[in-house]
């Protein structure tokens, strides 16, 4: 599975410059490509609404939060989205390519796997961030 250079470039911009709130990636013709970029002012709900209901995707989300000590922090989440309603072959391709793709993105702090929206609710993301 090839990874398009744009995937790495956009991830570096999210990580270093915070140009994006999230990036959604998809596999097309044996290559991981950028499907959508979320602007810094988009919400977590905007992000989850951008994921297709019945197709697999990889996504990166830059999550800002405040600790119990009142410190502003952020963590970069890698989300493997594989809804139960997606095709079995697609789920297999995404599952088998995930680790290799994740290694290309240096700076992932938390990984989540979700098969339906409840598995990546904002409460779960907050709990995993702290």
Protein backbone atom coordinates (compact mmCIF):
# COMPACT_ATOMS: atom_id res chain seq x y z
CA UNK A 1 0.00 0.00 0.00
CA UNK A 2 1.50 3.32 -1.07
CA UNK A 3 1.06 6.53 0.92
CA UNK A 4 0.68 9.74 -1.05
CA UNK A 5 3.23 12.40 -0.03
CA UNK A 6 0.39 14.86 0.56
CA UNK A 7 -0.73 12.70 3.51
CA UNK A 8 2.58 13.23 5.29
CA UNK A 9 2.81 16.93 4.35
CA UNK A 10 -0.69 17.76 5.58
CA UNK A 11 -0.10 15.79 8.79
CA UNK A 12 3.09 17.79 9.46
CA UNK A 13 1.12 21.01 8.91
CA UNK A 14 -1.52 19.84 11.39
CA UNK A 15 1.13 18.85 13.93
CA UNK A 16 3.56 21.76 13.64
CA UNK A 17 1.52 24.69 12.35
CA UNK A 18 -1.95 23.61 13.50
CA UNK A 19 -3.35 24.56 10.07
CA UNK A 20 -6.07 21.91 10.36
CA UNK A 21 -8.33 20.50 13.08
CA UNK A 22 -8.59 17.14 11.33
CA UNK A 23 -7.61 15.19 8.23
CA UNK A 24 -9.60 12.33 6.73
CA UNK A 25 -7.74 9.82 4.58
CA UNK A 26 -9.06 7.16 2.25
CA UNK A 27 -7.57 4.29 0.26
CA UNK A 28 -8.01 4.68 -3.46
CA UNK A 29 -6.30 2.55 -6.12
CA UNK A 30 -3.87 0.94 -3.65
CA UNK A 31 -2.82 4.31 -2.22
CA UNK A 32 -3.72 6.30 0.88
CA UNK A 33 -4.77 9.83 -0.10
CA UNK A 34 -6.14 12.92 1.68
CA UNK A 35 -9.92 13.10 1.32
CA UNK A 36 -10.81 16.08 3.50
CA UNK A 37 -9.09 18.77 5.56
CA UNK A 38 -10.92 20.37 8.48
CA UNK A 39 -10.17 24.00 9.24
CA UNK A 40 -8.90 24.88 12.77
CA UNK A 41 -12.28 26.32 13.82
CA UNK A 42 -14.28 23.18 13.00
CA UNK A 43 -15.72 21.17 15.90
CA UNK A 44 -15.53 17.51 16.83
CA UNK A 45 -19.10 17.17 15.56
CA UNK A 46 -18.03 18.60 12.17
CA UNK A 47 -15.32 15.95 12.12
CA UNK A 48 -17.59 13.00 12.96
CA UNK A 49 -20.17 14.21 10.42
CA UNK A 50 -17.44 14.14 7.75
CA UNK A 51 -16.90 10.40 8.13
CA UNK A 52 -19.00 8.29 5.74
CA UNK A 53 -21.65 6.13 7.42
CA UNK A 54 -20.81 2.93 5.55
CA UNK A 55 -17.22 3.26 4.32
CA UNK A 56 -13.89 2.83 6.09
CA UNK A 57 -11.50 5.74 6.61
CA UNK A 58 -8.41 6.73 8.54
CA UNK A 59 -8.50 10.06 10.31
CA UNK A 60 -6.31 12.29 12.43
CA UNK A 61 -7.87 14.72 14.90
CA UNK A 62 -6.08 17.42 16.89
CA UNK A 63 -7.96 17.46 20.20
CA UNK A 64 -7.62 20.50 22.49
CA UNK A 65 -8.54 20.08 26.14
CA UNK A 66 -7.98 21.55 29.59
CA UNK A 67 -6.49 19.38 32.35
CA UNK A 68 -7.76 19.25 35.93
CA UNK A 69 -4.88 21.63 36.78
CA UNK A 70 -6.33 24.10 34.24
CA UNK A 71 -3.54 23.61 31.67
CA UNK A 72 -4.32 23.90 27.96
CA UNK A 73 -3.12 20.81 26.11
CA UNK A 74 -3.66 19.03 22.84
CA UNK A 75 -3.28 15.45 21.68
CA UNK A 76 -3.23 14.07 18.17
CA UNK A 77 -5.60 11.13 17.74
CA UNK A 78 -5.39 8.54 14.99
CA UNK A 79 -8.81 7.05 14.34
CA UNK A 80 -9.39 3.89 12.33
CA UNK A 81 -13.02 4.15 11.22
CA UNK A 82 -14.46 0.83 10.05
CA UNK A 83 -18.26 0.86 10.39
CA UNK A 84 -20.05 -2.48 10.68
CA UNK A 85 -21.99 -1.59 7.52
CA UNK A 86 -18.87 -1.26 5.34
CA UNK A 87 -17.82 -4.00 2.93
CA UNK A 88 -15.80 -6.88 4.40
CA UNK A 89 -13.05 -6.48 1.80
CA UNK A 90 -12.68 -2.76 2.62
CA UNK A 91 -12.43 -3.55 6.33
CA UNK A 92 -9.69 -6.10 5.61
CA UNK A 93 -7.71 -3.67 3.41
CA UNK A 94 -7.92 -0.85 5.97
CA UNK A 95 -7.05 -3.18 8.88
CA UNK A 96 -4.04 -4.67 7.11
CA UNK A 97 -2.67 -1.28 6.01
CA UNK A 98 -3.28 0.63 9.25
CA UNK A 99 0.00 0.05 11.08
CA UNK A 100 2.15 0.82 8.06
CA UNK A 101 0.21 4.03 7.38
CA UNK A 102 0.33 5.07 11.04
CA UNK A 103 4.14 4.69 11.05
CA UNK A 104 4.30 7.29 8.25
CA UNK A 105 2.63 9.84 10.55
CA UNK A 106 5.20 10.62 13.23
CA UNK A 107 3.57 12.24 16.26
CA UNK A 108 0.36 10.25 16.80
CA UNK A 109 -0.34 10.21 20.54
CA UNK A 110 -3.57 8.21 20.91
CA UNK A 111 -5.16 5.57 18.69
CA UNK A 112 -8.86 4.79 18.56
CA UNK A 113 -10.66 2.13 16.56
CA UNK A 114 -14.34 2.67 15.95
CA UNK A 115 -17.04 0.64 14.22
CA UNK A 116 -19.88 3.02 15.09
CA UNK A 117 -20.11 6.65 16.29
CA UNK A 118 -20.65 5.68 19.94
CA UNK A 119 -17.13 4.19 20.05
CA UNK A 120 -15.60 7.58 19.30
CA UNK A 121 -17.89 9.91 21.21
CA UNK A 122 -16.45 13.12 22.59
CA UNK A 123 -16.56 11.65 26.11
CA UNK A 124 -14.39 8.70 25.04
CA UNK A 125 -11.92 11.03 23.29
CA UNK A 126 -11.70 13.23 26.41
CA UNK A 127 -11.14 10.20 28.64
CA UNK A 128 -8.36 8.87 26.37
CA UNK A 129 -6.68 12.29 26.15
CA UNK A 130 -6.18 12.80 29.88
